[in-house]
mmCIF file of all heavy atoms, coordinates in Angstrom:
data_MODEL
# 
_entry.id   MODEL 
# 
loop_
_atom_site.group_PDB 
_atom_site.id 
_atom_site.type_symbol 
_atom_site.label_atom_id 
_atom_site.label_alt_id 
_atom_site.label_comp_id 
_atom_site.label_asym_id 
_atom_site.label_entity_id 
_atom_site.label_seq_id 
_atom_site.pdbx_PDB_ins_code 
_atom_site.Cartn_x 
_atom_site.Cartn_y 
_atom_site.Cartn_z 
_atom_site.occupancy 
_atom_site.B_iso_or_equiv 
_atom_site.pdbx_formal_charge 
_atom_site.auth_seq_id 
_atom_site.auth_comp_id 
_atom_site.auth_asym_id 
_atom_site.auth_atom_id 
_atom_site.pdbx_PDB_model_num 
ATOM 1   N N   . TYR A 1 1  ? 0.841  -1.206  0.001   1.00 0.00 ? 1  TYR A N   1 
ATOM 2   C CA  . TYR A 1 1  ? 0.000  0.006   0.002   1.00 0.00 ? 1  TYR A CA  1 
ATOM 3   C C   . TYR A 1 1  ? 0.874  1.253   -0.002  1.00 0.00 ? 1  TYR A C   1 
ATOM 4   O O   . TYR A 1 1  ? 0.653  2.182   -0.776  1.00 0.00 ? 1  TYR A O   1 
ATOM 5   C CB  . TYR A 1 1  ? -0.934 -0.017  1.216   1.00 0.00 ? 1  TYR A CB  1 
ATOM 6   C CG  . TYR A 1 1  ? -1.617 1.302   1.461   1.00 0.00 ? 1  TYR A CG  1 
ATOM 7   C CD1 . TYR A 1 1  ? -2.560 1.803   0.558   1.00 0.00 ? 1  TYR A CD1 1 
ATOM 8   C CD2 . TYR A 1 1  ? -1.309 2.057   2.585   1.00 0.00 ? 1  TYR A CD2 1 
ATOM 9   C CE1 . TYR A 1 1  ? -3.179 3.029   0.778   1.00 0.00 ? 1  TYR A CE1 1 
ATOM 10  C CE2 . TYR A 1 1  ? -1.924 3.269   2.806   1.00 0.00 ? 1  TYR A CE2 1 
ATOM 11  C CZ  . TYR A 1 1  ? -2.861 3.750   1.895   1.00 0.00 ? 1  TYR A CZ  1 
ATOM 12  O OH  . TYR A 1 1  ? -3.459 4.966   2.117   1.00 0.00 ? 1  TYR A OH  1 
ATOM 13  N N   . GLN A 1 2  ? 1.894  1.284   0.851   1.00 0.00 ? 2  GLN A N   1 
ATOM 14  C CA  . GLN A 1 2  ? 2.779  2.445   0.923   1.00 0.00 ? 2  GLN A CA  1 
ATOM 15  C C   . GLN A 1 2  ? 3.494  2.701   -0.404  1.00 0.00 ? 2  GLN A C   1 
ATOM 16  O O   . GLN A 1 2  ? 3.758  3.843   -0.755  1.00 0.00 ? 2  GLN A O   1 
ATOM 17  C CB  . GLN A 1 2  ? 3.815  2.264   2.037   1.00 0.00 ? 2  GLN A CB  1 
ATOM 18  C CG  . GLN A 1 2  ? 3.232  2.370   3.420   1.00 0.00 ? 2  GLN A CG  1 
ATOM 19  C CD  . GLN A 1 2  ? 4.277  2.192   4.479   1.00 0.00 ? 2  GLN A CD  1 
ATOM 20  O OE1 . GLN A 1 2  ? 5.044  1.225   4.458   1.00 0.00 ? 2  GLN A OE1 1 
ATOM 21  N NE2 . GLN A 1 2  ? 4.328  3.116   5.411   1.00 0.00 ? 2  GLN A NE2 1 
ATOM 22  N N   . LEU A 1 3  ? 3.796  1.639   -1.131  1.00 0.00 ? 3  LEU A N   1 
ATOM 23  C CA  . LEU A 1 3  ? 4.490  1.763   -2.423  1.00 0.00 ? 3  LEU A CA  1 
ATOM 24  C C   . LEU A 1 3  ? 3.535  2.058   -3.576  1.00 0.00 ? 3  LEU A C   1 
ATOM 25  O O   . LEU A 1 3  ? 3.981  2.300   -4.686  1.00 0.00 ? 3  LEU A O   1 
ATOM 26  C CB  . LEU A 1 3  ? 5.263  0.477   -2.724  1.00 0.00 ? 3  LEU A CB  1 
ATOM 27  C CG  . LEU A 1 3  ? 6.446  0.162   -1.814  1.00 0.00 ? 3  LEU A CG  1 
ATOM 28  C CD1 . LEU A 1 3  ? 6.995  -1.220  -2.114  1.00 0.00 ? 3  LEU A CD1 1 
ATOM 29  C CD2 . LEU A 1 3  ? 7.527  1.224   -1.932  1.00 0.00 ? 3  LEU A CD2 1 
ATOM 30  N N   . GLY A 1 4  ? 2.230  2.023   -3.303  1.00 0.00 ? 4  GLY A N   1 
ATOM 31  C CA  . GLY A 1 4  ? 1.252  2.278   -4.355  1.00 0.00 ? 4  GLY A CA  1 
ATOM 32  C C   . GLY A 1 4  ? 0.919  1.049   -5.189  1.00 0.00 ? 4  GLY A C   1 
ATOM 33  O O   . GLY A 1 4  ? 0.249  1.161   -6.215  1.00 0.00 ? 4  GLY A O   1 
ATOM 34  N N   . ILE A 1 5  ? 1.380  -0.123  -4.772  1.00 0.00 ? 5  ILE A N   1 
ATOM 35  C CA  . ILE A 1 5  ? 1.059  -1.360  -5.485  1.00 0.00 ? 5  ILE A CA  1 
ATOM 36  C C   . ILE A 1 5  ? -0.406 -1.726  -5.231  1.00 0.00 ? 5  ILE A C   1 
ATOM 37  O O   . ILE A 1 5  ? -1.090 -2.225  -6.108  1.00 0.00 ? 5  ILE A O   1 
ATOM 38  C CB  . ILE A 1 5  ? 2.000  -2.502  -5.057  1.00 0.00 ? 5  ILE A CB  1 
ATOM 39  C CG1 . ILE A 1 5  ? 3.458  -2.139  -5.419  1.00 0.00 ? 5  ILE A CG1 1 
ATOM 40  C CG2 . ILE A 1 5  ? 1.593  -3.827  -5.684  1.00 0.00 ? 5  ILE A CG2 1 
ATOM 41  C CD1 . ILE A 1 5  ? 4.503  -3.045  -4.789  1.00 0.00 ? 5  ILE A CD1 1 
ATOM 42  N N   . ALA A 1 6  ? -0.864 -1.457  -4.012  1.00 0.00 ? 6  ALA A N   1 
ATOM 43  C CA  . ALA A 1 6  ? -2.264 -1.697  -3.628  1.00 0.00 ? 6  ALA A CA  1 
ATOM 44  C C   . ALA A 1 6  ? -2.936 -0.351  -3.369  1.00 0.00 ? 6  ALA A C   1 
ATOM 45  O O   . ALA A 1 6  ? -2.286 0.611   -2.943  1.00 0.00 ? 6  ALA A O   1 
ATOM 46  C CB  . ALA A 1 6  ? -2.321 -2.557  -2.370  1.00 0.00 ? 6  ALA A CB  1 
ATOM 47  N N   . LYS A 1 7  ? -4.243 -0.303  -3.613  1.00 0.00 ? 7  LYS A N   1 
ATOM 48  C CA  . LYS A 1 7  ? -4.996 0.943   -3.409  1.00 0.00 ? 7  LYS A CA  1 
ATOM 49  C C   . LYS A 1 7  ? -5.386 1.169   -1.955  1.00 0.00 ? 7  LYS A C   1 
ATOM 50  O O   . LYS A 1 7  ? -5.717 2.280   -1.557  1.00 0.00 ? 7  LYS A O   1 
ATOM 51  C CB  . LYS A 1 7  ? -6.252 0.923   -4.281  1.00 0.00 ? 7  LYS A CB  1 
ATOM 52  C CG  . LYS A 1 7  ? -5.959 0.978   -5.770  1.00 0.00 ? 7  LYS A CG  1 
ATOM 53  C CD  . LYS A 1 7  ? -7.243 0.908   -6.577  1.00 0.00 ? 7  LYS A CD  1 
ATOM 54  C CE  . LYS A 1 7  ? -6.977 0.946   -8.057  1.00 0.00 ? 7  LYS A CE  1 
ATOM 55  N NZ  . LYS A 1 7  ? -6.522 -0.313  -8.608  1.00 0.00 ? 7  LYS A NZ  1 
ATOM 56  N N   . SER A 1 8  ? -5.361 0.100   -1.153  1.00 0.00 ? 8  SER A N   1 
ATOM 57  C CA  . SER A 1 8  ? -5.655 0.202   0.283   1.00 0.00 ? 8  SER A CA  1 
ATOM 58  C C   . SER A 1 8  ? -4.888 -0.885  1.005   1.00 0.00 ? 8  SER A C   1 
ATOM 59  O O   . SER A 1 8  ? -4.417 -1.843  0.395   1.00 0.00 ? 8  SER A O   1 
ATOM 60  C CB  . SER A 1 8  ? -7.150 0.064   0.551   1.00 0.00 ? 8  SER A CB  1 
ATOM 61  O OG  . SER A 1 8  ? -7.551 -1.294  0.450   1.00 0.00 ? 8  SER A OG  1 
ATOM 62  N N   . VAL A 1 9  ? -4.793 -0.767  2.318   1.00 0.00 ? 9  VAL A N   1 
ATOM 63  C CA  . VAL A 1 9  ? -4.107 -1.777  3.122   1.00 0.00 ? 9  VAL A CA  1 
ATOM 64  C C   . VAL A 1 9  ? -4.843 -3.112  3.036   1.00 0.00 ? 9  VAL A C   1 
ATOM 65  O O   . VAL A 1 9  ? -4.236 -4.177  3.087   1.00 0.00 ? 9  VAL A O   1 
ATOM 66  C CB  . VAL A 1 9  ? -4.008 -1.316  4.594   1.00 0.00 ? 9  VAL A CB  1 
ATOM 67  C CG1 . VAL A 1 9  ? -3.400 -2.382  5.472   1.00 0.00 ? 9  VAL A CG1 1 
ATOM 68  C CG2 . VAL A 1 9  ? -3.216 -0.038  4.696   1.00 0.00 ? 9  VAL A CG2 1 
ATOM 69  N N   . ASP A 1 10 ? -6.164 -3.044  2.883   1.00 0.00 ? 10 ASP A N   1 
ATOM 70  C CA  . ASP A 1 10 ? -6.964 -4.260  2.854   1.00 0.00 ? 10 ASP A CA  1 
ATOM 71  C C   . ASP A 1 10 ? -7.027 -4.907  1.470   1.00 0.00 ? 10 ASP A C   1 
ATOM 72  O O   . ASP A 1 10 ? -7.501 -6.025  1.346   1.00 0.00 ? 10 ASP A O   1 
ATOM 73  C CB  . ASP A 1 10 ? -8.386 -3.965  3.336   1.00 0.00 ? 10 ASP A CB  1 
ATOM 74  C CG  . ASP A 1 10 ? -8.390 -3.557  4.805   1.00 0.00 ? 10 ASP A CG  1 
ATOM 75  O OD1 . ASP A 1 10 ? -7.616 -4.141  5.579   1.00 0.00 ? 10 ASP A OD1 1 
ATOM 76  O OD2 . ASP A 1 10 ? -9.155 -2.652  5.158   1.00 0.00 ? 10 ASP A OD2 1 
ATOM 77  N N   . GLU A 1 11 ? -6.525 -4.214  0.434   1.00 0.00 ? 11 GLU A N   1 
ATOM 78  C CA  . GLU A 1 11 ? -6.523 -4.804  -0.892  1.00 0.00 ? 11 GLU A CA  1 
ATOM 79  C C   . GLU A 1 11 ? -5.430 -5.868  -0.940  1.00 0.00 ? 11 GLU A C   1 
ATOM 80  O O   . GLU A 1 11 ? -4.259 -5.599  -0.665  1.00 0.00 ? 11 GLU A O   1 
ATOM 81  C CB  . GLU A 1 11 ? -6.269 -3.753  -1.971  1.00 0.00 ? 11 GLU A CB  1 
ATOM 82  C CG  . GLU A 1 11 ? -6.336 -4.323  -3.352  1.00 0.00 ? 11 GLU A CG  1 
ATOM 83  C CD  . GLU A 1 11 ? -6.026 -3.315  -4.446  1.00 0.00 ? 11 GLU A CD  1 
ATOM 84  O OE1 . GLU A 1 11 ? -5.334 -2.306  -4.161  1.00 0.00 ? 11 GLU A OE1 1 
ATOM 85  O OE2 . GLU A 1 11 ? -6.462 -3.530  -5.559  1.00 0.00 ? 11 GLU A OE2 1 
ATOM 86  N N   . LYS A 1 12 ? -5.820 -7.067  -1.263  1.00 0.00 ? 12 LYS A N   1 
ATOM 87  C CA  . LYS A 1 12 ? -4.892 -8.202  -1.265  1.00 0.00 ? 12 LYS A CA  1 
ATOM 88  C C   . LYS A 1 12 ? -4.393 -8.428  -2.682  1.00 0.00 ? 12 LYS A C   1 
ATOM 89  O O   . LYS A 1 12 ? -5.054 -9.072  -3.495  1.00 0.00 ? 12 LYS A O   1 
ATOM 90  C CB  . LYS A 1 12 ? -5.581 -9.458  -0.735  1.00 0.00 ? 12 LYS A CB  1 
ATOM 91  C CG  . LYS A 1 12 ? -6.198 -9.295  0.640   1.00 0.00 ? 12 LYS A CG  1 
ATOM 92  C CD  . LYS A 1 12 ? -5.175 -8.901  1.691   1.00 0.00 ? 12 LYS A CD  1 
ATOM 93  C CE  . LYS A 1 12 ? -5.845 -8.741  3.048   1.00 0.00 ? 12 LYS A CE  1 
ATOM 94  N NZ  . LYS A 1 12 ? -4.933 -8.315  4.072   1.00 0.00 ? 12 LYS A NZ  1 
ATOM 95  N N   . VAL A 1 13 ? -3.238 -7.840  -2.994  1.00 0.00 ? 13 VAL A N   1 
ATOM 96  C CA  . VAL A 1 13 ? -2.640 -7.985  -4.321  1.00 0.00 ? 13 VAL A CA  1 
ATOM 97  C C   . VAL A 1 13 ? -1.193 -8.442  -4.183  1.00 0.00 ? 13 VAL A C   1 
ATOM 98  O O   . VAL A 1 13 ? -0.580 -8.280  -3.133  1.00 0.00 ? 13 VAL A O   1 
ATOM 99  C CB  . VAL A 1 13 ? -2.680 -6.656  -5.112  1.00 0.00 ? 13 VAL A CB  1 
ATOM 100 C CG1 . VAL A 1 13 ? -4.099 -6.184  -5.338  1.00 0.00 ? 13 VAL A CG1 1 
ATOM 101 C CG2 . VAL A 1 13 ? -1.857 -5.583  -4.428  1.00 0.00 ? 13 VAL A CG2 1 
ATOM 102 N N   . ILE A 1 14 ? -0.686 -8.999  -5.250  1.00 0.00 ? 14 ILE A N   1 
ATOM 103 C CA  . ILE A 1 14 ? 0.730  -9.349  -5.346  1.00 0.00 ? 14 ILE A CA  1 
ATOM 104 C C   . ILE A 1 14 ? 1.296  -8.539  -6.500  1.00 0.00 ? 14 ILE A C   1 
ATOM 105 O O   . ILE A 1 14 ? 0.699  -8.498  -7.576  1.00 0.00 ? 14 ILE A O   1 
ATOM 106 C CB  . ILE A 1 14 ? 0.923  -10.861 -5.611  1.00 0.00 ? 14 ILE A CB  1 
ATOM 107 C CG1 . ILE A 1 14 ? 0.243  -11.705 -4.525  1.00 0.00 ? 14 ILE A CG1 1 
ATOM 108 C CG2 . ILE A 1 14 ? 2.409  -11.209 -5.735  1.00 0.00 ? 14 ILE A CG2 1 
ATOM 109 C CD1 . ILE A 1 14 ? 0.829  -11.569 -3.150  1.00 0.00 ? 14 ILE A CD1 1 
ATOM 110 N N   . GLY A 1 15 ? 2.429  -7.907  -6.263  1.00 0.00 ? 15 GLY A N   1 
ATOM 111 C CA  . GLY A 1 15 ? 3.045  -7.110  -7.308  1.00 0.00 ? 15 GLY A CA  1 
ATOM 112 C C   . GLY A 1 15 ? 3.844  -7.948  -8.281  1.00 0.00 ? 15 GLY A C   1 
ATOM 113 O O   . GLY A 1 15 ? 3.889  -9.172  -8.182  1.00 0.00 ? 15 GLY A O   1 
ATOM 114 N N   . THR A 1 16 ? 4.490  -7.275  -9.210  1.00 0.00 ? 16 THR A N   1 
ATOM 115 C CA  . THR A 1 16 ? 5.382  -7.955  -10.148 1.00 0.00 ? 16 THR A CA  1 
ATOM 116 C C   . THR A 1 16 ? 6.570  -8.509  -9.381  1.00 0.00 ? 16 THR A C   1 
ATOM 117 O O   . THR A 1 16 ? 6.788  -8.174  -8.207  1.00 0.00 ? 16 THR A O   1 
ATOM 118 C CB  . THR A 1 16 ? 5.884  -6.974  -11.216 1.00 0.00 ? 16 THR A CB  1 
ATOM 119 O OG1 . THR A 1 16 ? 6.690  -5.977  -10.562 1.00 0.00 ? 16 THR A OG1 1 
ATOM 120 C CG2 . THR A 1 16 ? 4.737  -6.316  -11.974 1.00 0.00 ? 16 THR A CG2 1 
ATOM 121 N N   . ARG A 1 17 ? 7.365  -9.310  -10.037 1.00 0.00 ? 17 ARG A N   1 
ATOM 122 C CA  . ARG A 1 17 ? 8.563  -9.872  -9.391  1.00 0.00 ? 17 ARG A CA  1 
ATOM 123 C C   . ARG A 1 17 ? 9.447  -8.740  -8.845  1.00 0.00 ? 17 ARG A C   1 
ATOM 124 O O   . ARG A 1 17 ? 9.938  -8.809  -7.722  1.00 0.00 ? 17 ARG A O   1 
ATOM 125 C CB  . ARG A 1 17 ? 9.326  -10.744 -10.378 1.00 0.00 ? 17 ARG A CB  1 
ATOM 126 C CG  . ARG A 1 17 ? 10.701 -11.151 -9.867  1.00 0.00 ? 17 ARG A CG  1 
ATOM 127 C CD  . ARG A 1 17 ? 11.395 -12.120 -10.774 1.00 0.00 ? 17 ARG A CD  1 
ATOM 128 N NE  . ARG A 1 17 ? 11.115 -13.435 -10.187 1.00 0.00 ? 17 ARG A NE  1 
ATOM 129 C CZ  . ARG A 1 17 ? 10.732 -14.493 -10.872 1.00 0.00 ? 17 ARG A CZ  1 
ATOM 130 N NH1 . ARG A 1 17 ? 10.575 -14.447 -12.155 1.00 0.00 ? 17 ARG A NH1 1 
ATOM 131 N NH2 . ARG A 1 17 ? 10.514 -15.633 -10.262 1.00 0.00 ? 17 ARG A NH2 1 
ATOM 132 N N   . GLU A 1 18 ? 9.629  -7.685  -9.643  1.00 0.00 ? 18 GLU A N   1 
ATOM 133 C CA  . GLU A 1 18 ? 10.468 -6.557  -9.223  1.00 0.00 ? 18 GLU A CA  1 
ATOM 134 C C   . GLU A 1 18 ? 9.855  -5.827  -8.034  1.00 0.00 ? 18 GLU A C   1 
ATOM 135 O O   . GLU A 1 18 ? 10.553 -5.453  -7.090  1.00 0.00 ? 18 GLU A O   1 
ATOM 136 C CB  . GLU A 1 18 ? 10.668 -5.572  -10.389 1.00 0.00 ? 18 GLU A CB  1 
ATOM 137 C CG  . GLU A 1 18 ? 11.480 -6.124  -11.549 1.00 0.00 ? 18 GLU A CG  1 
ATOM 138 C CD  . GLU A 1 18 ? 10.677 -7.049  -12.483 1.00 0.00 ? 18 GLU A CD  1 
ATOM 139 O OE1 . GLU A 1 18 ? 9.423  -6.994  -12.467 1.00 0.00 ? 18 GLU A OE1 1 
ATOM 140 O OE2 . GLU A 1 18 ? 11.324 -7.832  -13.213 1.00 0.00 ? 18 GLU A OE2 1 
ATOM 141 N N   . GLU A 1 19 ? 8.540  -5.614  -8.085  1.00 0.00 ? 19 GLU A N   1 
ATOM 142 C CA  . GLU A 1 19 ? 7.869  -4.947  -6.958  1.00 0.00 ? 19 GLU A CA  1 
ATOM 143 C C   . GLU A 1 19 ? 7.969  -5.775  -5.684  1.00 0.00 ? 19 GLU A C   1 
ATOM 144 O O   . GLU A 1 19 ? 8.214  -5.228  -4.598  1.00 0.00 ? 19 GLU A O   1 
ATOM 145 C CB  . GLU A 1 19 ? 6.393  -4.700  -7.305  1.00 0.00 ? 19 GLU A CB  1 
ATOM 146 C CG  . GLU A 1 19 ? 6.188  -3.615  -8.354  1.00 0.00 ? 19 GLU A CG  1 
ATOM 147 C CD  . GLU A 1 19 ? 4.765  -3.543  -8.859  1.00 0.00 ? 19 GLU A CD  1 
ATOM 148 O OE1 . GLU A 1 19 ? 4.039  -4.570  -8.852  1.00 0.00 ? 19 GLU A OE1 1 
ATOM 149 O OE2 . GLU A 1 19 ? 4.360  -2.428  -9.281  1.00 0.00 ? 19 GLU A OE2 1 
ATOM 150 N N   . GLU A 1 20 ? 7.811  -7.086  -5.811  1.00 0.00 ? 20 GLU A N   1 
ATOM 151 C CA  . GLU A 1 20 ? 7.890  -7.950  -4.632  1.00 0.00 ? 20 GLU A CA  1 
ATOM 152 C C   . GLU A 1 20 ? 9.306  -7.980  -4.064  1.00 0.00 ? 20 GLU A C   1 
ATOM 153 O O   . GLU A 1 20 ? 9.497  -8.130  -2.851  1.00 0.00 ? 20 GLU A O   1 
ATOM 154 C CB  . GLU A 1 20 ? 7.378  -9.362  -4.949  1.00 0.00 ? 20 GLU A CB  1 
ATOM 155 C CG  . GLU A 1 20 ? 5.874  -9.415  -5.151  1.00 0.00 ? 20 GLU A CG  1 
ATOM 156 C CD  . GLU A 1 20 ? 5.085  -8.912  -3.940  1.00 0.00 ? 20 GLU A CD  1 
ATOM 157 O OE1 . GLU A 1 20 ? 5.307  -9.392  -2.810  1.00 0.00 ? 20 GLU A OE1 1 
ATOM 158 O OE2 . GLU A 1 20 ? 4.200  -8.050  -4.147  1.00 0.00 ? 20 GLU A OE2 1 
ATOM 159 N N   . GLU A 1 21 ? 10.323 -7.825  -4.899  1.00 0.00 ? 21 GLU A N   1 
ATOM 160 C CA  . GLU A 1 21 ? 11.704 -7.704  -4.407  1.00 0.00 ? 21 GLU A CA  1 
ATOM 161 C C   . GLU A 1 21 ? 11.861 -6.456  -3.549  1.00 0.00 ? 21 GLU A C   1 
ATOM 162 O O   . GLU A 1 21 ? 12.502 -6.489  -2.501  1.00 0.00 ? 21 GLU A O   1 
ATOM 163 C CB  . GLU A 1 21 ? 12.685 -7.649  -5.591  1.00 0.00 ? 21 GLU A CB  1 
ATOM 164 C CG  . GLU A 1 21 ? 13.251 -8.971  -5.958  1.00 0.00 ? 21 GLU A CG  1 
ATOM 165 C CD  . GLU A 1 21 ? 14.316 -8.844  -7.039  1.00 0.00 ? 21 GLU A CD  1 
ATOM 166 O OE1 . GLU A 1 21 ? 15.235 -8.010  -6.921  1.00 0.00 ? 21 GLU A OE1 1 
ATOM 167 O OE2 . GLU A 1 21 ? 14.211 -9.608  -8.014  1.00 0.00 ? 21 GLU A OE2 1 
ATOM 168 N N   . VAL A 1 22 ? 11.271 -5.358  -4.006  1.00 0.00 ? 22 VAL A N   1 
ATOM 169 C CA  . VAL A 1 22 ? 11.307 -4.110  -3.241  1.00 0.00 ? 22 VAL A CA  1 
ATOM 170 C C   . VAL A 1 22 ? 10.574 -4.300  -1.911  1.00 0.00 ? 22 VAL A C   1 
ATOM 171 O O   . VAL A 1 22 ? 11.063 -3.889  -0.854  1.00 0.00 ? 22 VAL A O   1 
ATOM 172 C CB  . VAL A 1 22 ? 10.712 -2.933  -4.044  1.00 0.00 ? 22 VAL A CB  1 
ATOM 173 C CG1 . VAL A 1 22 ? 10.588 -1.675  -3.181  1.00 0.00 ? 22 VAL A CG1 1 
ATOM 174 C CG2 . VAL A 1 22 ? 11.550 -2.647  -5.277  1.00 0.00 ? 22 VAL A CG2 1 
ATOM 175 N N   . VAL A 1 23 ? 9.412  -4.947  -1.951  1.00 0.00 ? 23 VAL A N   1 
ATOM 176 C CA  . VAL A 1 23 ? 8.653  -5.225  -0.727  1.00 0.00 ? 23 VAL A CA  1 
ATOM 177 C C   . VAL A 1 23 ? 9.516  -6.049  0.244   1.00 0.00 ? 23 VAL A C   1 
ATOM 178 O O   . VAL A 1 23 ? 9.603  -5.733  1.442   1.00 0.00 ? 23 VAL A O   1 
ATOM 179 C CB  . VAL A 1 23 ? 7.328  -5.956  -1.048  1.00 0.00 ? 23 VAL A CB  1 
ATOM 180 C CG1 . VAL A 1 23 ? 6.650  -6.451  0.224   1.00 0.00 ? 23 VAL A CG1 1 
ATOM 181 C CG2 . VAL A 1 23 ? 6.384  -5.040  -1.836  1.00 0.00 ? 23 VAL A CG2 1 
ATOM 182 N N   . SER A 1 24 ? 10.177 -7.072  -0.266  1.00 0.00 ? 24 SER A N   1 
ATOM 183 C CA  . SER A 1 24 ? 11.037 -7.917  0.583   1.00 0.00 ? 24 SER A CA  1 
ATOM 184 C C   . SER A 1 24 ? 12.188 -7.127  1.183   1.00 0.00 ? 24 SER A C   1 
ATOM 185 O O   . SER A 1 24 ? 12.533 -7.297  2.351   1.00 0.00 ? 24 SER A O   1 
ATOM 186 C CB  . SER A 1 24 ? 11.581 -9.098  -0.215  1.00 0.00 ? 24 SER A CB  1 
ATOM 187 O OG  . SER A 1 24 ? 10.534 -9.967  -0.577  1.00 0.00 ? 24 SER A OG  1 
ATOM 188 N N   . ASN A 1 25 ? 12.810 -6.256  0.384   1.00 0.00 ? 25 ASN A N   1 
ATOM 189 C CA  . ASN A 1 25 ? 13.916 -5.438  0.899   1.00 0.00 ? 25 ASN A CA  1 
ATOM 190 C C   . ASN A 1 25 ? 13.454 -4.521  2.022   1.00 0.00 ? 25 ASN A C   1 
ATOM 191 O O   . ASN A 1 25 ? 14.133 -4.381  3.044   1.00 0.00 ? 25 ASN A O   1 
ATOM 192 C CB  . ASN A 1 25 ? 14.552 -4.627  -0.224  1.00 0.00 ? 25 ASN A CB  1 
ATOM 193 C CG  . ASN A 1 25 ? 15.360 -5.486  -1.177  1.00 0.00 ? 25 ASN A CG  1 
ATOM 194 O OD1 . ASN A 1 25 ? 15.810 -6.564  -0.819  1.00 0.00 ? 25 ASN A OD1 1 
ATOM 195 N ND2 . ASN A 1 25 ? 15.517 -5.028  -2.406  1.00 0.00 ? 25 ASN A ND2 1 
# 
């Protein structure tokens, strides 16, 4: 949500491989 991948904290989405790497970092 903070990165703008999801529109809300409750939105359950998975980003692209690159986005998920950023989330993991």
